[in-house]
Structure formats: C-alpha cells, structure tokens
Amino acid sequence: MGIIGTLIIGLIAGALAKLIMPGRDPGGIIVTMLLGVAGAFVATYLGQAIGWYRAGDGAGFIGAVVGAIILLVIYRMVVGRRAA
C-alpha cells in the first residue's frame, strides 16, 4: 500500500472518526483528519509489531479508523486539560 495509500486512508479515517465522535474539537476537521493520518500510521506499525500485518502491509481502513478514534480521544483529553 505504501505511504501514499496510508495517507489517503488516514484522511478518510479521520473524517469518519469525526463523524463517529461528534463534538467540538479545538483544531476542527483539519486536525481531526491529521489525527486520522497519524492513526493510520500508528495502526500500521503497531499491527506489524504485534504480528497482525506483514512488513509492507497497511493496517486497513478499520484499523485506521480505530487508531484515529483513539488518538482523537487522547487529543481531546490533552487539549481539554490545557484549556481548563
């Protein structure tokens, strides 16, 4: 799949994560989509480390969405504490 495929899936996964977890994000949709890209990369490398994926395989769409949701929750917790 490669880097470009992971980027594209991450952008879509970030948008879907925003739909699944509605609410006000300090960064808006752009930050959420960037978190989706990061989630796709995290899911890819974590899955390879655990042994779910072979080297060179991507996490896939569901893994990217789950990674994006996890990073979005962490992001909201960190930014929410900073704003309070």
PDB file of N, CA and C in Angstrom:
ATOM      1  N   MET A   1       0.833  -1.173   0.000  1.00  0.00           N
ATOM      2  CA  MET A   1       0.000   0.000   0.000  1.00  0.00           C
ATOM      3  C   MET A   1       0.878   1.238   0.000  1.00  0.00           C
ATOM      4  N   GLY A   2       1.861   1.307   0.831  1.00  0.00           N
ATOM      5  CA  GLY A   2       2.795   2.401   0.817  1.00  0.00           C
ATOM      6  C   GLY A   2       2.325   3.618   1.590  1.00  0.00           C
ATOM      7  N   ILE A   3       3.178   4.603   1.566  1.00  0.00           N
ATOM      8  CA  ILE A   3       2.935   5.831   2.328  1.00  0.00           C
ATOM      9  C   ILE A   3       1.729   6.587   1.787  1.00  0.00           C
ATOM     10  N   ILE A   4       1.611   6.714   0.483  1.00  0.00           N
ATOM     11  CA  ILE A   4       0.522   7.499  -0.102  1.00  0.00           C
ATOM     12  C   ILE A   4      -0.826   6.835   0.177  1.00  0.00           C
ATOM     13  N   GLY A   5      -0.877   5.538   0.093  1.00  0.00           N
ATOM     14  CA  GLY A   5      -2.110   4.824   0.423  1.00  0.00           C
ATOM     15  C   GLY A   5      -2.496   5.001   1.878  1.00  0.00           C
ATOM     16  N   THR A   6      -1.498   4.971   2.770  1.00  0.00           N
ATOM     17  CA  THR A   6      -1.763   5.186   4.183  1.00  0.00           C
ATOM     18  C   THR A   6      -2.261   6.605   4.433  1.00  0.00           C
ATOM     19  N   LEU A   7      -1.702   7.576   3.722  1.00  0.00           N
ATOM     20  CA  LEU A   7      -2.158   8.963   3.852  1.00  0.00           C
ATOM     21  C   LEU A   7      -3.611   9.121   3.426  1.00  0.00           C
ATOM     22  N   ILE A   8      -3.963   8.536   2.300  1.00  0.00           N
ATOM     23  CA  ILE A   8      -5.329   8.661   1.789  1.00  0.00           C
ATOM     24  C   ILE A   8      -6.314   7.967   2.726  1.00  0.00           C
ATOM     25  N   ILE A   9      -5.985   6.762   3.145  1.00  0.00           N
ATOM     26  CA  ILE A   9      -6.855   6.052   4.082  1.00  0.00           C
ATOM     27  C   ILE A   9      -6.949   6.809   5.393  1.00  0.00           C
ATOM     28  N   GLY A  10      -5.843   7.402   5.839  1.00  0.00           N
ATOM     29  CA  GLY A  10      -5.842   8.170   7.077  1.00  0.00           C
ATOM     30  C   GLY A  10      -6.734   9.401   7.006  1.00  0.00           C
ATOM     31  N   LEU A  11      -6.723  10.091   5.880  1.00  0.00           N
ATOM     32  CA  LEU A  11      -7.591  11.255   5.718  1.00  0.00           C
ATOM     33  C   LEU A  11      -9.062  10.862   5.800  1.00  0.00           C
ATOM     34  N   ILE A  12      -9.400   9.789   5.116  1.00  0.00           N
ATOM     35  CA  ILE A  12     -10.782   9.309   5.140  1.00  0.00           C
ATOM     36  C   ILE A  12     -11.139   8.797   6.538  1.00  0.00           C
ATOM     37  N   ALA A  13     -10.212   8.092   7.171  1.00  0.00           N
ATOM     38  CA  ALA A  13     -10.464   7.575   8.522  1.00  0.00           C
ATOM     39  C   ALA A  13     -10.635   8.713   9.518  1.00  0.00           C
ATOM     40  N   GLY A  14      -9.876   9.785   9.373  1.00  0.00           N
ATOM     41  CA  GLY A  14     -10.030  10.939  10.254  1.00  0.00           C
ATOM     42  C   GLY A  14     -11.390  11.591  10.103  1.00  0.00           C
ATOM     43  N   ALA A  15     -11.848  11.711   8.865  1.00  0.00           N
ATOM     44  CA  ALA A  15     -13.175  12.281   8.636  1.00  0.00           C
ATOM     45  C   ALA A  15     -14.256  11.384   9.230  1.00  0.00           C
ATOM     46  N   LEU A  16     -14.102  10.075   9.089  1.00  0.00           N
ATOM     47  CA  LEU A  16     -15.072   9.138   9.660  1.00  0.00           C
ATOM     48  C   LEU A  16     -15.020   9.160  11.184  1.00  0.00           C
ATOM     49  N   ALA A  17     -13.828   9.281  11.754  1.00  0.00           N
ATOM     50  CA  ALA A  17     -13.705   9.374  13.212  1.00  0.00           C
ATOM     51  C   ALA A  17     -14.416  10.617  13.725  1.00  0.00           C
ATOM     52  N   LYS A  18     -14.357  11.699  12.983  1.00  0.00           N
ATOM     53  CA  LYS A  18     -15.057  12.930  13.354  1.00  0.00           C
ATOM     54  C   LYS A  18     -16.568  12.702  13.334  1.00  0.00           C
ATOM     55  N   LEU A  19     -17.051  11.937  12.374  1.00  0.00           N
ATOM     56  CA  LEU A  19     -18.477  11.636  12.309  1.00  0.00           C
ATOM     57  C   LEU A  19     -18.911  10.715  13.449  1.00  0.00           C
ATOM     58  N   ILE A  20     -18.049   9.768  13.807  1.00  0.00           N
ATOM     59  CA  ILE A  20     -18.373   8.823  14.873  1.00  0.00           C
ATOM     60  C   ILE A  20     -18.337   9.513  16.233  1.00  0.00           C
ATOM     61  N   MET A  21     -17.389  10.408  16.416  1.00  0.00           N
ATOM     62  CA  MET A  21     -17.223  11.119  17.687  1.00  0.00           C
ATOM     63  C   MET A  21     -17.513  12.603  17.489  1.00  0.00           C
ATOM     64  N   PRO A  22     -18.778  12.958  17.373  1.00  0.00           N
ATOM     65  CA  PRO A  22     -19.081  14.377  17.165  1.00  0.00           C
ATOM     66  C   PRO A  22     -18.759  15.179  18.411  1.00  0.00           C
ATOM     67  N   GLY A  23     -18.619  16.420  18.213  1.00  0.00           N
ATOM     68  CA  GLY A  23     -18.307  17.309  19.325  1.00  0.00           C
ATOM     69  C   GLY A  23     -17.379  18.393  18.837  1.00  0.00           C
ATOM     70  N   ARG A  24     -17.103  19.295  19.710  1.00  0.00           N
ATOM     71  CA  ARG A  24     -16.246  20.412  19.356  1.00  0.00           C
ATOM     72  C   ARG A  24     -14.802  20.034  19.573  1.00  0.00           C
ATOM     73  N   ASP A  25     -14.045  20.082  18.517  1.00  0.00           N
ATOM     74  CA  ASP A  25     -12.611  19.853  18.596  1.00  0.00           C
ATOM     75  C   ASP A  25     -11.906  21.188  18.448  1.00  0.00           C
ATOM     76  N   PRO A  26     -10.909  21.439  19.275  1.00  0.00           N
ATOM     77  CA  PRO A  26     -10.206  22.711  19.194  1.00  0.00           C
ATOM     78  C   PRO A  26      -9.558  22.963  17.834  1.00  0.00           C
ATOM     79  N   GLY A  27      -9.166  21.913  17.133  1.00  0.00           N
ATOM     80  CA  GLY A  27      -8.488  22.084  15.859  1.00  0.00           C
ATOM     81  C   GLY A  27      -9.408  21.993  14.660  1.00  0.00           C
ATOM     82  N   GLY A  28     -10.619  21.523  14.842  1.00  0.00           N
ATOM     83  CA  GLY A  28     -11.542  21.395  13.724  1.00  0.00           C
ATOM     84  C   GLY A  28     -11.279  20.150  12.904  1.00  0.00           C
ATOM     85  N   ILE A  29     -11.852  20.144  11.716  1.00  0.00           N
ATOM     86  CA  ILE A  29     -11.789  18.956  10.853  1.00  0.00           C
ATOM     87  C   ILE A  29     -10.379  18.697  10.322  1.00  0.00           C
ATOM     88  N   ILE A  30      -9.597  19.749  10.124  1.00  0.00           N
ATOM     89  CA  ILE A  30      -8.237  19.558   9.603  1.00  0.00           C
ATOM     90  C   ILE A  30      -7.387  18.783  10.608  1.00  0.00           C
ATOM     91  N   VAL A  31      -7.440  19.177  11.876  1.00  0.00           N
ATOM     92  CA  VAL A  31      -6.673  18.470  12.901  1.00  0.00           C
ATOM     93  C   VAL A  31      -7.191  17.043  13.047  1.00  0.00           C
ATOM     94  N   THR A  32      -8.498  16.864  12.955  1.00  0.00           N
ATOM     95  CA  THR A  32      -9.072  15.521  13.056  1.00  0.00           C
ATOM     96  C   THR A  32      -8.585  14.644  11.909  1.00  0.00           C
ATOM     97  N   MET A  33      -8.510  15.194  10.719  1.00  0.00           N
ATOM     98  CA  MET A  33      -8.018  14.421   9.578  1.00  0.00           C
ATOM     99  C   MET A  33      -6.527  14.116   9.731  1.00  0.00           C
ATOM    100  N   LEU A  34      -5.766  15.047  10.282  1.00  0.00           N
ATOM    101  CA  LEU A  34      -4.352  14.772  10.539  1.00  0.00           C
ATOM    102  C   LEU A  34      -4.194  13.695  11.607  1.00  0.00           C
ATOM    103  N   LEU A  35      -5.078  13.705  12.590  1.00  0.00           N
ATOM    104  CA  LEU A  35      -5.068  12.630  13.584  1.00  0.00           C
ATOM    105  C   LEU A  35      -5.429  11.294  12.930  1.00  0.00           C
ATOM    106  N   GLY A  36      -6.284  11.337  11.916  1.00  0.00           N
ATOM    107  CA  GLY A  36      -6.608  10.124  11.165  1.00  0.00           C
ATOM    108  C   GLY A  36      -5.399   9.573  10.442  1.00  0.00           C
ATOM    109  N   VAL A  37      -4.614  10.454   9.855  1.00  0.00           N
ATOM    110  CA  VAL A  37      -3.377  10.025   9.189  1.00  0.00           C
ATOM    111  C   VAL A  37      -2.430   9.422  10.217  1.00  0.00           C
ATOM    112  N   ALA A  38      -2.271  10.102  11.361  1.00  0.00           N
ATOM    113  CA  ALA A  38      -1.413   9.563  12.421  1.00  0.00           C
ATOM    114  C   ALA A  38      -1.951   8.231  12.932  1.00  0.00           C
ATOM    115  N   GLY A  39      -3.273   8.133  13.053  1.00  0.00           N
ATOM    116  CA  GLY A  39      -3.885   6.879  13.492  1.00  0.00           C
ATOM    117  C   GLY A  39      -3.635   5.742  12.516  1.00  0.00           C
ATOM    118  N   ALA A  40      -3.647   6.050  11.239  1.00  0.00           N
ATOM    119  CA  ALA A  40      -3.362   5.027  10.227  1.00  0.00           C
ATOM    120  C   ALA A  40      -1.922   4.544  10.344  1.00  0.00           C
ATOM    121  N   PHE A  41      -1.001   5.482  10.560  1.00  0.00           N
ATOM    122  CA  PHE A  41       0.401   5.088  10.712  1.00  0.00           C
ATOM    123  C   PHE A  41       0.623   4.300  12.000  1.00  0.00           C
ATOM    124  N   VAL A  42      -0.006   4.747  13.087  1.00  0.00           N
ATOM    125  CA  VAL A  42       0.125   4.037  14.361  1.00  0.00           C
ATOM    126  C   VAL A  42      -0.452   2.632  14.248  1.00  0.00           C
ATOM    127  N   ALA A  43      -1.630   2.518  13.641  1.00  0.00           N
ATOM    128  CA  ALA A  43      -2.255   1.200  13.484  1.00  0.00           C
ATOM    129  C   ALA A  43      -1.413   0.296  12.592  1.00  0.00           C
ATOM    130  N   THR A  44      -0.805   0.858  11.562  1.00  0.00           N
ATOM    131  CA  THR A  44       0.037   0.062  10.668  1.00  0.00           C
ATOM    132  C   THR A  44       1.249  -0.478  11.401  1.00  0.00           C
ATOM    133  N   TYR A  45       1.978   0.392  12.081  1.00  0.00           N
ATOM    134  CA  TYR A  45       3.212  -0.046  12.724  1.00  0.00           C
ATOM    135  C   TYR A  45       2.955  -0.866  13.977  1.00  0.00           C
ATOM    136  N   LEU A  46       1.895  -0.562  14.707  1.00  0.00           N
ATOM    137  CA  LEU A  46       1.548  -1.371  15.865  1.00  0.00           C
ATOM    138  C   LEU A  46       1.102  -2.764  15.426  1.00  0.00           C
ATOM    139  N   GLY A  47       0.311  -2.833  14.365  1.00  0.00           N
ATOM    140  CA  GLY A  47      -0.123  -4.125  13.839  1.00  0.00           C
ATOM    141  C   GLY A  47       1.035  -4.964  13.319  1.00  0.00           C
ATOM    142  N   GLN A  48       2.029  -4.308  12.725  1.00  0.00           N
ATOM    143  CA  GLN A  48       3.212  -5.030  12.268  1.00  0.00           C
ATOM    144  C   GLN A  48       4.041  -5.520  13.444  1.00  0.00           C
ATOM    145  N   ALA A  49       4.128  -4.718  14.509  1.00  0.00           N
ATOM    146  CA  ALA A  49       4.896  -5.116  15.683  1.00  0.00           C
ATOM    147  C   ALA A  49       4.240  -6.289  16.405  1.00  0.00           C
ATOM    148  N   ILE A  50       2.909  -6.293  16.449  1.00  0.00           N
ATOM    149  CA  ILE A  50       2.188  -7.374  17.115  1.00  0.00           C
ATOM    150  C   ILE A  50       2.185  -8.637  16.263  1.00  0.00           C
ATOM    151  N   GLY A  51       2.257  -8.466  14.954  1.00  0.00           N
ATOM    152  CA  GLY A  51       2.257  -9.613  14.061  1.00  0.00           C
ATOM    153  C   GLY A  51       0.964  -9.790  13.289  1.00  0.00           C
ATOM    154  N   TRP A  52       0.070  -8.800  13.377  1.00  0.00           N
ATOM    155  CA  TRP A  52      -1.186  -8.891  12.635  1.00  0.00           C
ATOM    156  C   TRP A  52      -0.979  -8.653  11.152  1.00  0.00           C
ATOM    157  N   TYR A  53       0.003  -7.829  10.813  1.00  0.00           N
ATOM    158  CA  TYR A  53       0.292  -7.497   9.414  1.00  0.00           C
ATOM    159  C   TYR A  53       1.745  -7.822   9.121  1.00  0.00           C
ATOM    160  N   ARG A  54       2.001  -8.175   7.875  1.00  0.00           N
ATOM    161  CA  ARG A  54       3.374  -8.398   7.444  1.00  0.00           C
ATOM    162  C   ARG A  54       4.026  -7.063   7.136  1.00  0.00           C
ATOM    163  N   ALA A  55       5.330  -7.066   7.045  1.00  0.00           N
ATOM    164  CA  ALA A  55       6.055  -5.845   6.687  1.00  0.00           C
ATOM    165  C   ALA A  55       5.594  -5.390   5.307  1.00  0.00           C
ATOM    166  N   GLY A  56       5.267  -4.133   5.194  1.00  0.00           N
ATOM    167  CA  GLY A  56       4.789  -3.590   3.933  1.00  0.00           C
ATOM    168  C   GLY A  56       3.271  -3.564   3.819  1.00  0.00           C
ATOM    169  N   ASP A  57       2.571  -4.293   4.686  1.00  0.00           N
ATOM    170  CA  ASP A  57       1.107  -4.276   4.680  1.00  0.00           C
ATOM    171  C   ASP A  57       0.608  -3.102   5.506  1.00  0.00           C
ATOM    172  N   GLY A  58      -0.471  -2.504   5.050  1.00  0.00           N
ATOM    173  CA  GLY A  58      -1.093  -1.423   5.804  1.00  0.00           C
ATOM    174  C   GLY A  58      -2.110  -1.965   6.779  1.00  0.00           C
ATOM    175  N   ALA A  59      -2.530  -1.117   7.680  1.00  0.00           N
ATOM    176  CA  ALA A  59      -3.473  -1.534   8.714  1.00  0.00           C
ATOM    177  C   ALA A  59      -4.859  -1.768   8.146  1.00  0.00           C
ATOM    178  N   GLY A  60      -5.174  -1.151   7.054  1.00  0.00           N
ATOM    179  CA  GLY A  60      -6.507  -1.268   6.526  1.00  0.00           C
ATOM    180  C   GLY A  60      -7.398  -0.180   7.085  1.00  0.00           C
ATOM    181  N   PHE A  61      -8.574  -0.095   6.538  1.00  0.00           N
ATOM    182  CA  PHE A  61      -9.458   1.014   6.859  1.00  0.00           C
ATOM    183  C   PHE A  61      -9.970   0.958   8.289  1.00  0.00           C
ATOM    184  N   ILE A  62     -10.386  -0.211   8.751  1.00  0.00           N
ATOM    185  CA  ILE A  62     -10.934  -0.330  10.102  1.00  0.00           C
ATOM    186  C   ILE A  62      -9.865  -0.035  11.147  1.00  0.00           C
ATOM    187  N   GLY A  63      -8.668  -0.543  10.946  1.00  0.00           N
ATOM    188  CA  GLY A  63      -7.572  -0.254  11.869  1.00  0.00           C
ATOM    189  C   GLY A  63      -7.238   1.227  11.909  1.00  0.00           C
ATOM    190  N   ALA A  64      -7.286   1.881  10.753  1.00  0.00           N
ATOM    191  CA  ALA A  64      -7.010   3.313  10.700  1.00  0.00           C
ATOM    192  C   ALA A  64      -8.084   4.112  11.423  1.00  0.00           C
ATOM    193  N   VAL A  65      -9.347   3.708  11.283  1.00  0.00           N
ATOM    194  CA  VAL A  65     -10.434   4.405  11.971  1.00  0.00           C
ATOM    195  C   VAL A  65     -10.295   4.227  13.481  1.00  0.00           C
ATOM    196  N   VAL A  66     -10.007   3.019  13.923  1.00  0.00           N
ATOM    197  CA  VAL A  66      -9.825   2.770  15.357  1.00  0.00           C
ATOM    198  C   VAL A  66      -8.637   3.574  15.885  1.00  0.00           C
ATOM    199  N   GLY A  67      -7.536   3.595  15.144  1.00  0.00           N
ATOM    200  CA  GLY A  67      -6.378   4.391  15.546  1.00  0.00           C
ATOM    201  C   GLY A  67      -6.709   5.870  15.612  1.00  0.00           C
ATOM    202  N   ALA A  68      -7.483   6.359  14.648  1.00  0.00           N
ATOM    203  CA  ALA A  68      -7.875   7.770  14.638  1.00  0.00           C
ATOM    204  C   ALA A  68      -8.770   8.108  15.819  1.00  0.00           C
ATOM    205  N   ILE A  69      -9.691   7.216  16.157  1.00  0.00           N
ATOM    206  CA  ILE A  69     -10.576   7.460  17.295  1.00  0.00           C
ATOM    207  C   ILE A  69      -9.773   7.487  18.591  1.00  0.00           C
ATOM    208  N   ILE A  70      -8.845   6.577  18.748  1.00  0.00           N
ATOM    209  CA  ILE A  70      -8.012   6.545  19.947  1.00  0.00           C
ATOM    210  C   ILE A  70      -7.199   7.829  20.067  1.00  0.00           C
ATOM    211  N   LEU A  71      -6.582   8.252  18.974  1.00  0.00           N
ATOM    212  CA  LEU A  71      -5.805   9.490  19.015  1.00  0.00           C
ATOM    213  C   LEU A  71      -6.690  10.712  19.229  1.00  0.00           C
ATOM    214  N   LEU A  72      -7.905  10.684  18.706  1.00  0.00           N
ATOM    215  CA  LEU A  72      -8.831  11.800  18.908  1.00  0.00           C
ATOM    216  C   LEU A  72      -9.244  11.900  20.368  1.00  0.00           C
ATOM    217  N   VAL A  73      -9.473  10.775  21.020  1.00  0.00           N
ATOM    218  CA  VAL A  73      -9.811  10.777  22.447  1.00  0.00           C
ATOM    219  C   VAL A  73      -8.640  11.333  23.261  1.00  0.00           C
ATOM    220  N   ILE A  74      -7.433  10.871  22.961  1.00  0.00           N
ATOM    221  CA  ILE A  74      -6.245  11.362  23.666  1.00  0.00           C
ATOM    222  C   ILE A  74      -6.060  12.856  23.421  1.00  0.00           C
ATOM    223  N   TYR A  75      -6.251  13.288  22.189  1.00  0.00           N
ATOM    224  CA  TYR A  75      -6.107  14.700  21.841  1.00  0.00           C
ATOM    225  C   TYR A  75      -7.109  15.563  22.603  1.00  0.00           C
ATOM    226  N   ARG A  76      -8.350  15.102  22.676  1.00  0.00           N
ATOM    227  CA  ARG A  76      -9.373  15.862  23.410  1.00  0.00           C
ATOM    228  C   ARG A  76      -9.047  15.936  24.894  1.00  0.00           C
ATOM    229  N   MET A  77      -8.502  14.859  25.452  1.00  0.00           N
ATOM    230  CA  MET A  77      -8.142  14.870  26.867  1.00  0.00           C
ATOM    231  C   MET A  77      -6.995  15.841  27.131  1.00  0.00           C
ATOM    232  N   VAL A  78      -5.992  15.835  26.298  1.00  0.00           N
ATOM    233  CA  VAL A  78      -4.831  16.701  26.489  1.00  0.00           C
ATOM    234  C   VAL A  78      -5.198  18.159  26.278  1.00  0.00           C
ATOM    235  N   VAL A  79      -5.900  18.468  25.209  1.00  0.00           N
ATOM    236  CA  VAL A  79      -6.256  19.843  24.913  1.00  0.00           C
ATOM    237  C   VAL A  79      -7.316  20.341  25.887  1.00  0.00           C
ATOM    238  N   GLY A  80      -8.201  19.472  26.331  1.00  0.00           N
ATOM    239  CA  GLY A  80      -9.229  19.860  27.292  1.00  0.00           C
ATOM    240  C   GLY A  80      -8.618  20.243  28.637  1.00  0.00           C
ATOM    241  N   ARG A  81      -7.590  19.534  29.060  1.00  0.00           N
ATOM    242  CA  ARG A  81      -6.918  19.880  30.312  1.00  0.00           C
ATOM    243  C   ARG A  81      -6.172  21.191  30.197  1.00  0.00           C
ATOM    244  N   ARG A  82      -5.587  21.418  29.040  1.00  0.00           N
ATOM    245  CA  ARG A  82      -4.820  22.643  28.825  1.00  0.00           C
ATOM    246  C   ARG A  82      -5.745  23.862  28.823  1.00  0.00           C
ATOM    247  N   ALA A  83      -6.955  23.720  28.289  1.00  0.00           N
ATOM    248  CA  ALA A  83      -7.890  24.839  28.207  1.00  0.00           C
ATOM    249  C   ALA A  83      -8.556  25.131  29.555  1.00  0.00           C
ATOM    250  N   ALA A  84      -8.644  24.116  30.391  1.00  0.00           N
ATOM    251  CA  ALA A  84      -9.330  24.295  31.693  1.00  0.00           C
ATOM    252  C   ALA A  84      -8.481  24.992  32.722  1.00  0.00           C
TER     253      ALA A  84
END
